[in-house]
C-alpha atoms as a PDB file:
ATOM      1  CA  MET A   1     144.851 114.326 137.040  1.00  0.00           C
ATOM      2  CA  ALA A   2     141.514 115.859 136.511  1.00  0.00           C
ATOM      3  CA  LYS A   3     139.654 116.643 139.877  1.00  0.00           C
ATOM      4  CA  GLY A   4     136.649 114.442 140.438  1.00  0.00           C
ATOM      5  CA  ARG A   5     133.197 115.639 141.041  1.00  0.00           C
ATOM      6  CA  THR A   6     132.715 117.675 144.326  1.00  0.00           C
ATOM      7  CA  THR A   7     131.003 115.672 146.976  1.00  0.00           C
ATOM      8  CA  MET A   8     129.036 116.311 150.085  1.00  0.00           C
ATOM      9  CA  ALA A   9     132.097 115.466 152.157  1.00  0.00           C
ATOM     10  CA  ASP A  10     133.963 118.245 150.292  1.00  0.00           C
ATOM     11  CA  VAL A  11     131.498 120.674 151.244  1.00  0.00           C
ATOM     12  CA  ALA A  12     131.422 119.662 154.870  1.00  0.00           C
ATOM     13  CA  ARG A  13     135.137 120.131 155.195  1.00  0.00           C
ATOM     14  CA  ARG A  14     134.838 123.561 153.744  1.00  0.00           C
ATOM     15  CA  ALA A  15     131.991 124.507 155.985  1.00  0.00           C
ATOM     16  CA  GLY A  16     133.495 122.916 158.978  1.00  0.00           C
ATOM     17  CA  VAL A  17     130.488 120.543 159.795  1.00  0.00           C
ATOM     18  CA  SER A  18     129.427 117.061 159.181  1.00  0.00           C
ATOM     19  CA  SER A  19     128.298 115.425 155.921  1.00  0.00           C
ATOM     20  CA  ALA A  20     124.894 114.703 157.655  1.00  0.00           C
ATOM     21  CA  THR A  21     124.624 118.407 158.451  1.00  0.00           C
ATOM     22  CA  VAL A  22     125.246 119.338 154.742  1.00  0.00           C
ATOM     23  CA  SER A  23     122.727 116.741 153.615  1.00  0.00           C
ATOM     24  CA  MET A  24     119.906 118.032 155.827  1.00  0.00           C
ATOM     25  CA  ILE A  25     120.579 121.710 154.995  1.00  0.00           C
ATOM     26  CA  LEU A  26     120.971 121.284 151.241  1.00  0.00           C
ATOM     27  CA  SER A  27     117.915 119.014 151.020  1.00  0.00           C
ATOM     28  CA  GLY A  28     115.685 121.866 152.295  1.00  0.00           C
ATOM     29  CA  ARG A  29     114.475 120.128 155.497  1.00  0.00           C
ATOM     30  CA  PRO A  30     112.576 122.640 157.728  1.00  0.00           C
ATOM     31  CA  ASP A  31     113.453 120.941 160.865  1.00  0.00           C
ATOM     32  CA  THR A  32     117.150 120.905 160.989  1.00  0.00           C
ATOM     33  CA  ARG A  33     117.386 123.038 164.040  1.00  0.00           C
ATOM     34  CA  PHE A  34     120.851 124.357 163.071  1.00  0.00           C
ATOM     35  CA  SER A  35     121.473 128.116 163.380  1.00  0.00           C
ATOM     36  CA  GLN A  36     121.105 130.607 160.605  1.00  0.00           C
ATOM     37  CA  GLU A  37     124.955 131.139 160.440  1.00  0.00           C
ATOM     38  CA  THR A  38     125.366 127.177 160.019  1.00  0.00           C
ATOM     39  CA  HIS A  39     122.942 127.311 157.209  1.00  0.00           C
ATOM     40  CA  ALA A  40     124.773 130.254 155.421  1.00  0.00           C
ATOM     41  CA  ARG A  41     128.052 128.727 155.837  1.00  0.00           C
ATOM     42  CA  VAL A  42     127.093 125.394 154.168  1.00  0.00           C
ATOM     43  CA  HIS A  43     125.284 127.194 151.347  1.00  0.00           C
ATOM     44  CA  GLN A  44     128.527 129.379 150.783  1.00  0.00           C
ATOM     45  CA  ALA A  45     130.820 126.249 150.770  1.00  0.00           C
ATOM     46  CA  ALA A  46     128.452 124.591 148.222  1.00  0.00           C
ATOM     47  CA  ALA A  47     128.579 127.641 145.982  1.00  0.00           C
ATOM     48  CA  GLU A  48     132.387 128.130 146.232  1.00  0.00           C
ATOM     49  CA  LEU A  49     132.909 124.520 145.370  1.00  0.00           C
ATOM     50  CA  SER A  50     130.235 124.462 142.676  1.00  0.00           C
ATOM     51  CA  TYR A  51     128.599 121.478 144.381  1.00  0.00           C
ATOM     52  CA  ARG A  52     125.678 119.722 142.448  1.00  0.00           C
ATOM     53  CA  PRO A  53     123.675 116.915 144.284  1.00  0.00           C
ATOM     54  CA  ASN A  54     124.233 113.510 142.893  1.00  0.00           C
ATOM     55  CA  ALA A  55     120.786 112.850 141.058  1.00  0.00           C
ATOM     56  CA  ALA A  56     121.391 109.105 140.644  1.00  0.00           C
ATOM     57  CA  ALA A  57     122.028 108.762 144.554  1.00  0.00           C
ATOM     58  CA  ARG A  58     119.130 110.846 145.271  1.00  0.00           C
ATOM     59  CA  ALA A  59     116.812 108.672 143.081  1.00  0.00           C
ATOM     60  CA  LEU A  60     118.044 105.582 144.906  1.00  0.00           C
ATOM     61  CA  ARG A  61     117.126 107.211 148.238  1.00  0.00           C
ATOM     62  CA  THR A  62     113.781 108.743 147.170  1.00  0.00           C
ATOM     63  CA  ASP A  63     112.769 106.202 144.478  1.00  0.00           C
ATOM     64  CA  ARG A  64     112.174 109.241 142.303  1.00  0.00           C
ATOM     65  CA  SER A  65     114.551 110.700 139.671  1.00  0.00           C
ATOM     66  CA  HIS A  66     112.268 113.680 138.423  1.00  0.00           C
ATOM     67  CA  ALA A  67     113.125 112.599 134.954  1.00  0.00           C
ATOM     68  CA  LEU A  68     110.868 110.993 132.326  1.00  0.00           C
ATOM     69  CA  ALA A  69     111.855 108.981 129.198  1.00  0.00           C
ATOM     70  CA  PHE A  70     110.463 110.002 125.853  1.00  0.00           C
ATOM     71  CA  ILE A  71     110.930 106.954 123.546  1.00  0.00           C
ATOM     72  CA  SER A  72     110.057 107.160 119.850  1.00  0.00           C
ATOM     73  CA  ASP A  73     110.444 105.538 116.553  1.00  0.00           C
ATOM     74  CA  HIS A  74     111.258 108.390 114.152  1.00  0.00           C
ATOM     75  CA  VAL A  75     109.874 111.504 116.038  1.00  0.00           C
ATOM     76  CA  ALA A  76     113.248 113.229 116.792  1.00  0.00           C
ATOM     77  CA  THR A  77     114.906 112.477 113.362  1.00  0.00           C
ATOM     78  CA  THR A  78     112.130 113.780 111.014  1.00  0.00           C
ATOM     79  CA  ARG A  79     110.334 117.125 110.841  1.00  0.00           C
ATOM     80  CA  PHE A  80     106.795 115.585 110.536  1.00  0.00           C
ATOM     81  CA  ALA A  81     106.219 115.143 114.276  1.00  0.00           C
ATOM     82  CA  ASN A  82     108.896 116.983 116.305  1.00  0.00           C
ATOM     83  CA  GLY A  83     106.057 119.166 117.805  1.00  0.00           C
ATOM     84  CA  LEU A  84     105.522 116.013 119.994  1.00  0.00           C
ATOM     85  CA  ILE A  85     108.907 116.607 121.566  1.00  0.00           C
ATOM     86  CA  ARG A  86     108.523 120.425 121.836  1.00  0.00           C
ATOM     87  CA  GLY A  87     105.342 119.932 123.679  1.00  0.00           C
ATOM     88  CA  ALA A  88     106.656 117.137 125.972  1.00  0.00           C
ATOM     89  CA  LEU A  89     109.718 119.369 126.743  1.00  0.00           C
ATOM     90  CA  LYS A  90     107.336 122.319 127.754  1.00  0.00           C
ATOM     91  CA  GLY A  91     105.436 120.027 129.840  1.00  0.00           C
ATOM     92  CA  SER A  92     108.332 118.631 131.534  1.00  0.00           C
ATOM     93  CA  ALA A  93     109.949 121.917 132.345  1.00  0.00           C
ATOM     94  CA  ARG A  94     106.651 123.149 133.848  1.00  0.00           C
ATOM     95  CA  ALA A  95     106.494 120.056 136.023  1.00  0.00           C
ATOM     96  CA  GLY A  96     110.054 120.299 137.121  1.00  0.00           C
ATOM     97  CA  GLN A  97     111.080 117.151 135.327  1.00  0.00           C
ATOM     98  CA  MET A  98     113.978 116.340 132.876  1.00  0.00           C
ATOM     99  CA  LEU A  99     113.153 114.665 129.588  1.00  0.00           C
ATOM    100  CA  MET A 100     115.385 111.918 128.392  1.00  0.00           C
ATOM    101  CA  VAL A 101     114.782 111.570 124.431  1.00  0.00           C
ATOM    102  CA  MET A 102     115.696 108.294 122.848  1.00  0.00           C
ATOM    103  CA  GLU A 103     115.048 107.248 119.097  1.00  0.00           C
ATOM    104  CA  THR A 104     114.786 103.650 118.096  1.00  0.00           C
ATOM    105  CA  GLY A 105     114.093 103.780 114.367  1.00  0.00           C
ATOM    106  CA  GLY A 106     111.184 101.540 115.158  1.00  0.00           C
ATOM    107  CA  VAL A 107     113.350  98.657 115.653  1.00  0.00           C
ATOM    108  CA  PRO A 108     112.135  96.263 118.366  1.00  0.00           C
ATOM    109  CA  GLU A 109     115.521  95.383 119.900  1.00  0.00           C
ATOM    110  CA  ARG A 110     116.325  99.049 120.172  1.00  0.00           C
ATOM    111  CA  GLU A 111     112.897  99.781 121.707  1.00  0.00           C
ATOM    112  CA  ALA A 112     113.706  97.072 124.487  1.00  0.00           C
ATOM    113  CA  LEU A 113     117.143  98.381 125.003  1.00  0.00           C
ATOM    114  CA  ALA A 114     115.677 102.118 125.378  1.00  0.00           C
ATOM    115  CA  ILE A 115     113.278 100.856 127.982  1.00  0.00           C
ATOM    116  CA  ASP A 116     115.912  98.964 129.839  1.00  0.00           C
ATOM    117  CA  SER A 117     118.148 102.108 129.777  1.00  0.00           C
ATOM    118  CA  ALA A 118     115.397 104.190 131.088  1.00  0.00           C
ATOM    119  CA  LEU A 119     114.661 101.807 133.847  1.00  0.00           C
ATOM    120  CA  ASP A 120     118.294 101.674 134.939  1.00  0.00           C
ATOM    121  CA  ARG A 121     118.032 105.458 135.425  1.00  0.00           C
ATOM    122  CA  GLN A 122     115.129 105.208 137.792  1.00  0.00           C
ATOM    123  CA  ILE A 123     112.901 107.350 135.565  1.00  0.00           C
ATOM    124  CA  ASP A 124     109.508 108.299 136.859  1.00  0.00           C
ATOM    125  CA  GLY A 125     107.651 107.418 133.712  1.00  0.00           C
ATOM    126  CA  ILE A 126     107.862 106.490 130.166  1.00  0.00           C
ATOM    127  CA  ILE A 127     106.275 108.340 127.185  1.00  0.00           C
ATOM    128  CA  PHE A 128     106.183 106.071 123.966  1.00  0.00           C
ATOM    129  CA  ALA A 129     105.628 108.274 120.951  1.00  0.00           C
ATOM    130  CA  SER A 130     105.095 107.386 117.296  1.00  0.00           C
ATOM    131  CA  MET A 131     105.656 109.577 114.271  1.00  0.00           C
ATOM    132  CA  ARG A 132     102.512 108.493 112.728  1.00  0.00           C
ATOM    133  CA  ALA A 133      99.462 107.551 114.641  1.00  0.00           C
ATOM    134  CA  ARG A 134      99.208 103.761 114.917  1.00  0.00           C
ATOM    135  CA  GLU A 135      98.662 100.521 117.043  1.00  0.00           C
ATOM    136  CA  ILE A 136     101.985 100.066 118.813  1.00  0.00           C
ATOM    137  CA  THR A 137     103.329  96.803 120.169  1.00  0.00           C
ATOM    138  CA  LEU A 138     105.544  97.631 123.206  1.00  0.00           C
ATOM    139  CA  PRO A 139     108.274  95.823 124.891  1.00  0.00           C
ATOM    140  CA  LYS A 140     107.622  94.300 128.353  1.00  0.00           C
ATOM    141  CA  THR A 141     107.859  96.778 131.019  1.00  0.00           C
ATOM    142  CA  PRO A 142     107.215  96.654 134.916  1.00  0.00           C
ATOM    143  CA  PRO A 143     103.610  97.393 135.701  1.00  0.00           C
ATOM    144  CA  ALA A 144     104.602  99.806 138.415  1.00  0.00           C
ATOM    145  CA  ILE A 145     106.161 102.177 135.863  1.00  0.00           C
ATOM    146  CA  PRO A 146     103.573 104.763 134.560  1.00  0.00           C
ATOM    147  CA  MET A 147     103.439 104.759 130.850  1.00  0.00           C
ATOM    148  CA  VAL A 148     101.507 106.878 128.132  1.00  0.00           C
ATOM    149  CA  VAL A 149     101.397 106.243 124.457  1.00  0.00           C
ATOM    150  CA  LEU A 150     101.597 109.292 122.508  1.00  0.00           C
ATOM    151  CA  ASN A 151     100.169 109.425 118.880  1.00  0.00           C
ATOM    152  CA  GLY A 152      99.175 105.933 119.002  1.00  0.00           C
ATOM    153  CA  THR A 153      97.300 103.046 120.799  1.00  0.00           C
ATOM    154  CA  SER A 154      98.453 100.030 122.497  1.00  0.00           C
ATOM    155  CA  SER A 155      96.639  97.054 124.249  1.00  0.00           C
ATOM    156  CA  GLN A 156      99.733  96.774 126.563  1.00  0.00           C
ATOM    157  CA  CYS A 157      99.285 100.377 127.905  1.00  0.00           C
ATOM    158  CA  PRO A 158      96.326 101.896 129.786  1.00  0.00           C
ATOM    159  CA  SER A 159      96.691 105.453 128.686  1.00  0.00           C
ATOM    160  CA  TRP A 160      97.220 107.201 125.211  1.00  0.00           C
ATOM    161  CA  VAL A 161      97.008 110.576 123.669  1.00  0.00           C
ATOM    162  CA  LEU A 162      95.537 111.014 120.136  1.00  0.00           C
ATOM    163  CA  PRO A 163      94.357 113.940 117.858  1.00  0.00           C
ATOM    164  CA  ASP A 164      90.581 114.054 117.525  1.00  0.00           C
ATOM    165  CA  GLU A 165      90.496 112.761 114.052  1.00  0.00           C
ATOM    166  CA  GLU A 166      86.817 112.478 113.878  1.00  0.00           C
ATOM    167  CA  GLY A 167      86.345 116.001 114.981  1.00  0.00           C
ATOM    168  CA  GLY A 168      88.891 117.081 112.369  1.00  0.00           C
ATOM    169  CA  GLY A 169      87.219 115.251 109.652  1.00  0.00           C
ATOM    170  CA  ARG A 170      83.919 117.205 110.423  1.00  0.00           C
ATOM    171  CA  GLU A 171      85.761 120.400 110.607  1.00  0.00           C
ATOM    172  CA  ALA A 172      87.218 119.981 106.943  1.00  0.00           C
ATOM    173  CA  VAL A 173      83.770 119.371 105.626  1.00  0.00           C
ATOM    174  CA  ARG A 174      82.216 122.375 107.562  1.00  0.00           C
ATOM    175  CA  LEU A 175      84.980 124.661 105.913  1.00  0.00           C
ATOM    176  CA  LEU A 176      83.959 123.538 102.382  1.00  0.00           C
ATOM    177  CA  ALA A 177      80.207 123.710 103.148  1.00  0.00           C
ATOM    178  CA  GLU A 178      80.132 127.071 104.597  1.00  0.00           C
ATOM    179  CA  ALA A 179      82.360 128.354 101.689  1.00  0.00           C
ATOM    180  CA  GLY A 180      79.580 127.023  99.365  1.00  0.00           C
ATOM    181  CA  VAL A 181      81.802 124.665  97.472  1.00  0.00           C
ATOM    182  CA  ALA A 182      80.704 121.254  99.038  1.00  0.00           C
ATOM    183  CA  GLY A 183      78.345 120.308  96.196  1.00  0.00           C
ATOM    184  CA  GLU A 184      81.044 118.724  93.998  1.00  0.00           C
ATOM    185  CA  VAL A 185      83.719 117.450  96.131  1.00  0.00           C
ATOM    186  CA  ALA A 186      86.395 114.733  95.295  1.00  0.00           C
ATOM    187  CA  LEU A 187      87.793 112.773  98.183  1.00  0.00           C
ATOM    188  CA  ILE A 188      91.527 112.027  97.547  1.00  0.00           C
ATOM    189  CA  GLY A 189      93.050 109.185  99.302  1.00  0.00           C
ATOM    190  CA  ILE A 190      90.468 106.616  99.911  1.00  0.00           C
ATOM    191  CA  ASN A 191      87.705 104.817  98.221  1.00  0.00           C
ATOM    192  CA  GLU A 192      86.099 102.597 100.556  1.00  0.00           C
ATOM    193  CA  GLU A 193      84.301 100.541  97.896  1.00  0.00           C
ATOM    194  CA  GLU A 194      87.593  99.527  96.332  1.00  0.00           C
ATOM    195  CA  GLU A 195      89.385  98.979  99.627  1.00  0.00           C
ATOM    196  CA  ARG A 196      86.720  96.924 101.258  1.00  0.00           C
ATOM    197  CA  GLY A 197      88.284  94.446 103.672  1.00  0.00           C
ATOM    198  CA  LEU A 198      91.710  96.248 103.631  1.00  0.00           C
ATOM    199  CA  PHE A 199      93.157  97.723 106.746  1.00  0.00           C
ATOM    200  CA  ARG A 200      93.586 101.371 107.502  1.00  0.00           C
ATOM    201  CA  SER A 201      94.722 102.503 111.037  1.00  0.00           C
ATOM    202  CA  LEU A 202      92.330 103.552 113.646  1.00  0.00           C
ATOM    203  CA  PRO A 203      93.146 107.275 113.292  1.00  0.00           C
ATOM    204  CA  ILE A 204      92.456 107.080 109.526  1.00  0.00           C
ATOM    205  CA  GLN A 205      89.200 105.241 110.160  1.00  0.00           C
ATOM    206  CA  ARG A 206      88.131 108.003 112.585  1.00  0.00           C
ATOM    207  CA  ARG A 207      89.241 110.772 110.175  1.00  0.00           C
ATOM    208  CA  LEU A 208      87.197 109.257 107.527  1.00  0.00           C
ATOM    209  CA  ALA A 209      84.258 108.591 109.874  1.00  0.00           C
ATOM    210  CA  GLY A 210      84.130 112.352 110.738  1.00  0.00           C
ATOM    211  CA  ILE A 211      84.239 113.245 106.984  1.00  0.00           C
ATOM    212  CA  ARG A 212      81.492 111.017 106.224  1.00  0.00           C
ATOM    213  CA  ALA A 213      79.326 112.034 109.174  1.00  0.00           C
ATOM    214  CA  GLY A 214      79.875 115.773 108.144  1.00  0.00           C
ATOM    215  CA  MET A 215      78.928 115.075 104.605  1.00  0.00           C
ATOM    216  CA  ALA A 216      75.734 113.163 105.586  1.00  0.00           C
ATOM    217  CA  GLU A 217      74.587 115.770 108.043  1.00  0.00           C
ATOM    218  CA  ARG A 218      74.336 118.231 105.193  1.00  0.00           C
ATOM    219  CA  GLY A 219      72.842 115.816 102.719  1.00  0.00           C
ATOM    220  CA  LEU A 220      76.006 115.782 100.544  1.00  0.00           C
ATOM    221  CA  ALA A 221      77.812 113.015  98.813  1.00  0.00           C
ATOM    222  CA  PHE A 222      81.272 112.868  97.145  1.00  0.00           C
ATOM    223  CA  ALA A 223      81.416 113.262  93.310  1.00  0.00           C
ATOM    224  CA  HIS A 224      84.539 111.205  93.183  1.00  0.00           C
ATOM    225  CA  GLU A 225      86.541 108.967  95.583  1.00  0.00           C
ATOM    226  CA  VAL A 226      90.112 108.074  94.713  1.00  0.00           C
ATOM    227  CA  SER A 227      92.003 105.190  96.282  1.00  0.00           C
ATOM    228  CA  ILE A 228      95.686 105.954  97.113  1.00  0.00           C
ATOM    229  CA  TRP A 229      97.580 103.675  99.285  1.00  0.00           C
ATOM    230  CA  GLU A 230     100.841 105.843  99.733  1.00  0.00           C
ATOM    231  CA  TRP A 231      99.861 109.353 100.828  1.00  0.00           C
ATOM    232  CA  GLU A 232     102.721 111.067  99.008  1.00  0.00           C
ATOM    233  CA  PRO A 233     102.887 114.062  96.758  1.00  0.00           C
ATOM    234  CA  ALA A 234     103.823 111.844  93.458  1.00  0.00           C
ATOM    235  CA  ARG A 235     100.659 109.820  94.074  1.00  0.00           C
ATOM    236  CA  GLY A 236      98.573 112.967  94.727  1.00  0.00           C
ATOM    237  CA  PHE A 237      99.827 114.447  91.452  1.00  0.00           C
ATOM    238  CA  GLU A 238      99.057 111.413  89.452  1.00  0.00           C
ATOM    239  CA  ALA A 239      95.476 111.091  90.863  1.00  0.00           C
ATOM    240  CA  VAL A 240      94.587 114.827  90.524  1.00  0.00           C
ATOM    241  CA  ALA A 241      96.020 114.889  87.111  1.00  0.00           C
ATOM    242  CA  ALA A 242      93.962 112.084  85.842  1.00  0.00           C
ATOM    243  CA  LEU A 243      90.896 113.503  87.521  1.00  0.00           C
ATOM    244  CA  LEU A 244      91.398 116.831  85.821  1.00  0.00           C
ATOM    245  CA  ALA A 245      92.134 115.162  82.431  1.00  0.00           C
ATOM    246  CA  SER A 246      88.814 113.200  82.611  1.00  0.00           C
ATOM    247  CA  GLY A 247      86.822 116.458  81.904  1.00  0.00           C
ATOM    248  CA  ASP A 248      84.654 115.771  84.998  1.00  0.00           C
ATOM    249  CA  ARG A 249      86.234 118.331  87.004  1.00  0.00           C
ATOM    250  CA  PRO A 250      84.936 118.925  90.635  1.00  0.00           C
ATOM    251  CA  SER A 251      84.791 122.074  92.479  1.00  0.00           C
ATOM    252  CA  ALA A 252      86.784 120.973  95.409  1.00  0.00           C
ATOM    253  CA  LEU A 253      89.290 118.481  96.567  1.00  0.00           C
ATOM    254  CA  LEU A 254      89.321 116.997 100.162  1.00  0.00           C
ATOM    255  CA  CYS A 255      92.775 115.478 100.559  1.00  0.00           C
ATOM    256  CA  LEU A 256      93.227 113.209 103.335  1.00  0.00           C
ATOM    257  CA  ASN A 257      96.781 114.652 104.038  1.00  0.00           C
ATOM    258  CA  ASP A 258      98.873 117.637 103.115  1.00  0.00           C
ATOM    259  CA  ARG A 259     101.279 115.543 101.096  1.00  0.00           C
ATOM    260  CA  LEU A 260      98.555 114.532  98.734  1.00  0.00           C
ATOM    261  CA  ALA A 261      97.481 118.049  98.635  1.00  0.00           C
ATOM    262  CA  PHE A 262     101.093 119.236  97.633  1.00  0.00           C
ATOM    263  CA  GLY A 263     100.679 116.733  94.528  1.00  0.00           C
ATOM    264  CA  ALA A 264      97.166 118.303  93.718  1.00  0.00           C
ATOM    265  CA  TYR A 265      98.698 121.784  93.689  1.00  0.00           C
ATOM    266  CA  GLN A 266     101.222 120.460  90.974  1.00  0.00           C
ATOM    267  CA  ALA A 267      98.640 118.778  88.997  1.00  0.00           C
ATOM    268  CA  CYS A 268      96.385 121.872  89.079  1.00  0.00           C
ATOM    269  CA  ALA A 269      99.396 124.178  87.940  1.00  0.00           C
ATOM    270  CA  GLU A 270     100.227 121.858  85.001  1.00  0.00           C
ATOM    271  CA  ALA A 271      96.533 121.663  83.891  1.00  0.00           C
ATOM    272  CA  GLY A 272      96.126 125.567  84.057  1.00  0.00           C
ATOM    273  CA  VAL A 273      93.449 125.026  86.985  1.00  0.00           C
ATOM    274  CA  ARG A 274      93.569 127.970  89.408  1.00  0.00           C
ATOM    275  CA  VAL A 275      93.408 127.378  93.304  1.00  0.00           C
ATOM    276  CA  PRO A 276      91.063 128.517  94.629  1.00  0.00           C
ATOM    277  CA  GLU A 277      89.247 130.321  91.695  1.00  0.00           C
ATOM    278  CA  ASP A 278      88.708 127.138  89.745  1.00  0.00           C
ATOM    279  CA  LEU A 279      89.172 124.500  92.385  1.00  0.00           C
ATOM    280  CA  SER A 280      89.166 124.666  96.153  1.00  0.00           C
ATOM    281  CA  ILE A 281      91.311 122.415  98.404  1.00  0.00           C
ATOM    282  CA  VAL A 282      91.358 121.442 101.986  1.00  0.00           C
ATOM    283  CA  SER A 283      93.549 118.789 103.692  1.00  0.00           C
ATOM    284  CA  PHE A 284      95.076 117.507 106.939  1.00  0.00           C
ATOM    285  CA  ASP A 285      98.001 117.727 109.311  1.00  0.00           C
ATOM    286  CA  ASN A 286      99.451 121.129 108.759  1.00  0.00           C
ATOM    287  CA  ASP A 287     102.786 120.237 107.478  1.00  0.00           C
ATOM    288  CA  GLU A 288     105.206 123.109 107.739  1.00  0.00           C
ATOM    289  CA  LEU A 289     105.307 123.363 103.983  1.00  0.00           C
ATOM    290  CA  ALA A 290     101.621 124.089 103.840  1.00  0.00           C
ATOM    291  CA  ALA A 291     102.091 127.905 104.739  1.00  0.00           C
ATOM    292  CA  TYR A 292     104.795 128.220 101.792  1.00  0.00           C
ATOM    293  CA  LEU A 293     102.312 127.127  98.940  1.00  0.00           C
ATOM    294  CA  ARG A 294     100.808 129.903  96.843  1.00  0.00           C
ATOM    295  CA  PRO A 295      97.936 130.304  97.757  1.00  0.00           C
ATOM    296  CA  GLY A 296      98.695 128.918 101.279  1.00  0.00           C
ATOM    297  CA  LEU A 297      96.906 125.540 101.991  1.00  0.00           C
ATOM    298  CA  THR A 298      93.964 125.370 104.159  1.00  0.00           C
ATOM    299  CA  THR A 299      94.394 122.394 106.531  1.00  0.00           C
ATOM    300  CA  ILE A 300      93.182 120.757 109.626  1.00  0.00           C
ATOM    301  CA  ALA A 301      96.272 120.734 112.008  1.00  0.00           C
ATOM    302  CA  LEU A 302      97.679 117.866 113.893  1.00  0.00           C
ATOM    303  CA  PRO A 303      98.002 119.348 117.523  1.00  0.00           C
ATOM    304  CA  HIS A 304     101.434 117.875 118.170  1.00  0.00           C
ATOM    305  CA  ASP A 305     102.822 120.468 120.714  1.00  0.00           C
ATOM    306  CA  ARG A 306      99.630 120.280 122.817  1.00  0.00           C
ATOM    307  CA  MET A 307      99.672 116.517 122.794  1.00  0.00           C
ATOM    308  CA  GLY A 308     103.227 116.290 123.980  1.00  0.00           C
ATOM    309  CA  GLU A 309     102.271 118.425 126.874  1.00  0.00           C
ATOM    310  CA  LEU A 310      99.367 116.366 127.851  1.00  0.00           C
ATOM    311  CA  ALA A 311     101.399 113.090 127.591  1.00  0.00           C
ATOM    312  CA  VAL A 312     103.599 114.548 130.438  1.00  0.00           C
ATOM    313  CA  ASP A 313     100.573 115.483 132.419  1.00  0.00           C
ATOM    314  CA  ARG A 314      98.941 112.257 132.086  1.00  0.00           C
ATOM    315  CA  VAL A 315     102.172 110.053 132.842  1.00  0.00           C
ATOM    316  CA  LEU A 316     102.808 112.104 135.952  1.00  0.00           C
ATOM    317  CA  ALA A 317      99.112 111.825 137.073  1.00  0.00           C
ATOM    318  CA  GLN A 318      99.007 108.134 136.077  1.00  0.00           C
ATOM    319  CA  SER A 319      95.754 108.794 134.178  1.00  0.00           C
ATOM    320  CA  GLN A 320      94.239 105.981 132.325  1.00  0.00           C
ATOM    321  CA  GLY A 321      92.078 105.786 129.179  1.00  0.00           C
ATOM    322  CA  GLU A 322      92.027 107.967 125.998  1.00  0.00           C
ATOM    323  CA  GLU A 323      92.530 111.720 125.688  1.00  0.00           C
ATOM    324  CA  LEU A 324      91.509 113.206 122.312  1.00  0.00           C
ATOM    325  CA  VAL A 325      93.069 116.624 121.425  1.00  0.00           C
ATOM    326  CA  PRO A 326      91.086 118.939 119.262  1.00  0.00           C
ATOM    327  CA  MET A 327      92.459 119.432 115.777  1.00  0.00           C
ATOM    328  CA  PRO A 328      92.288 123.196 114.862  1.00  0.00           C
ATOM    329  CA  ALA A 329      91.614 124.510 111.306  1.00  0.00           C
ATOM    330  CA  VAL A 330      94.335 126.672 109.781  1.00  0.00           C
ATOM    331  CA  VAL A 331      92.643 128.709 107.164  1.00  0.00           C
ATOM    332  CA  ARG A 332      94.765 130.058 104.259  1.00  0.00           C
ATOM    333  CA  GLY A 333      93.801 130.743 100.830  1.00  0.00           C
ATOM    334  CA  SER A 334      92.981 127.473  99.169  1.00  0.00           C
ATOM    335  CA  ILE A 335      89.179 127.503  99.664  1.00  0.00           C
ATOM    336  CA  ARG A 336      87.291 130.102  97.514  1.00  0.00           C
ATOM    337  CA  GLY A 337      84.970 132.177  99.718  1.00  0.00           C
ATOM    338  CA  ALA A 338      86.370 131.064 103.027  1.00  0.00           C
ATOM    339  CA  GLY A 339      87.672 133.511 105.552  1.00  0.00           C
END
């Protein structure tokens, strides 16, 4: 029969003291009044028996588990937002917290089950993360449990962490304007006139608001605006191929995400249009594939790692309100004259 977990009583027998003595010494209490020899004997016995404290029992005694729950829809199982987990792991390690990661696939029943499982383990707080920034409907949770929404918003949660999309939109326009190619720009992804009355998420609205504000500040207007509902490479290819075939070619494309830009690169290659000599391109998100395009794609990065770190800080501090994380520009080779 396999030997069970080493208990405090086992350590006490090995050291020749009581379990209460072992508890006080191993908990690090400064006022035990035991001799130095007793302390040494207890620590030696614990080391010899490979004793580990029972975290569940300690959580029941102290009402703290030193663990956080990271509950997401698709963050862990796709490459698009795994920086959120990396950042949360880094922040948790810095704070001396364990991070329990649970993936739900966005299924409400599994989300509720994940929260119940986290509560059963006496976690100190919950980070509810979304792969794509959106408004999130959360399962009911006890109000005493600190919670932060990461890469999303929720009317049921007082605290959330988002990328500064408006600032990112302004930065994309700045890159084009300072390179001298902002006069004939096509916006790839949205045409507000055609989409009037249709819903786009809050982060997308903010990204577009920053873009339009940046253009207006410089007295610029888009030469073309192309509405695309699915921001995927195939749709970007179709839209840009049609634009290039029209004969009214712009000097630059501002694509609303990197996946649209991937399609734009393909359309340019098929049409014999050189990037950036004939056409400059800037986009958003800093997908890992952006660095492997030739030339590399200049893009405004989603600061996922930093967002994950801040989510841990905020849930432990029980902060409220919105935190916007700056979106840095990653300059590669797709804008003519930029450097």
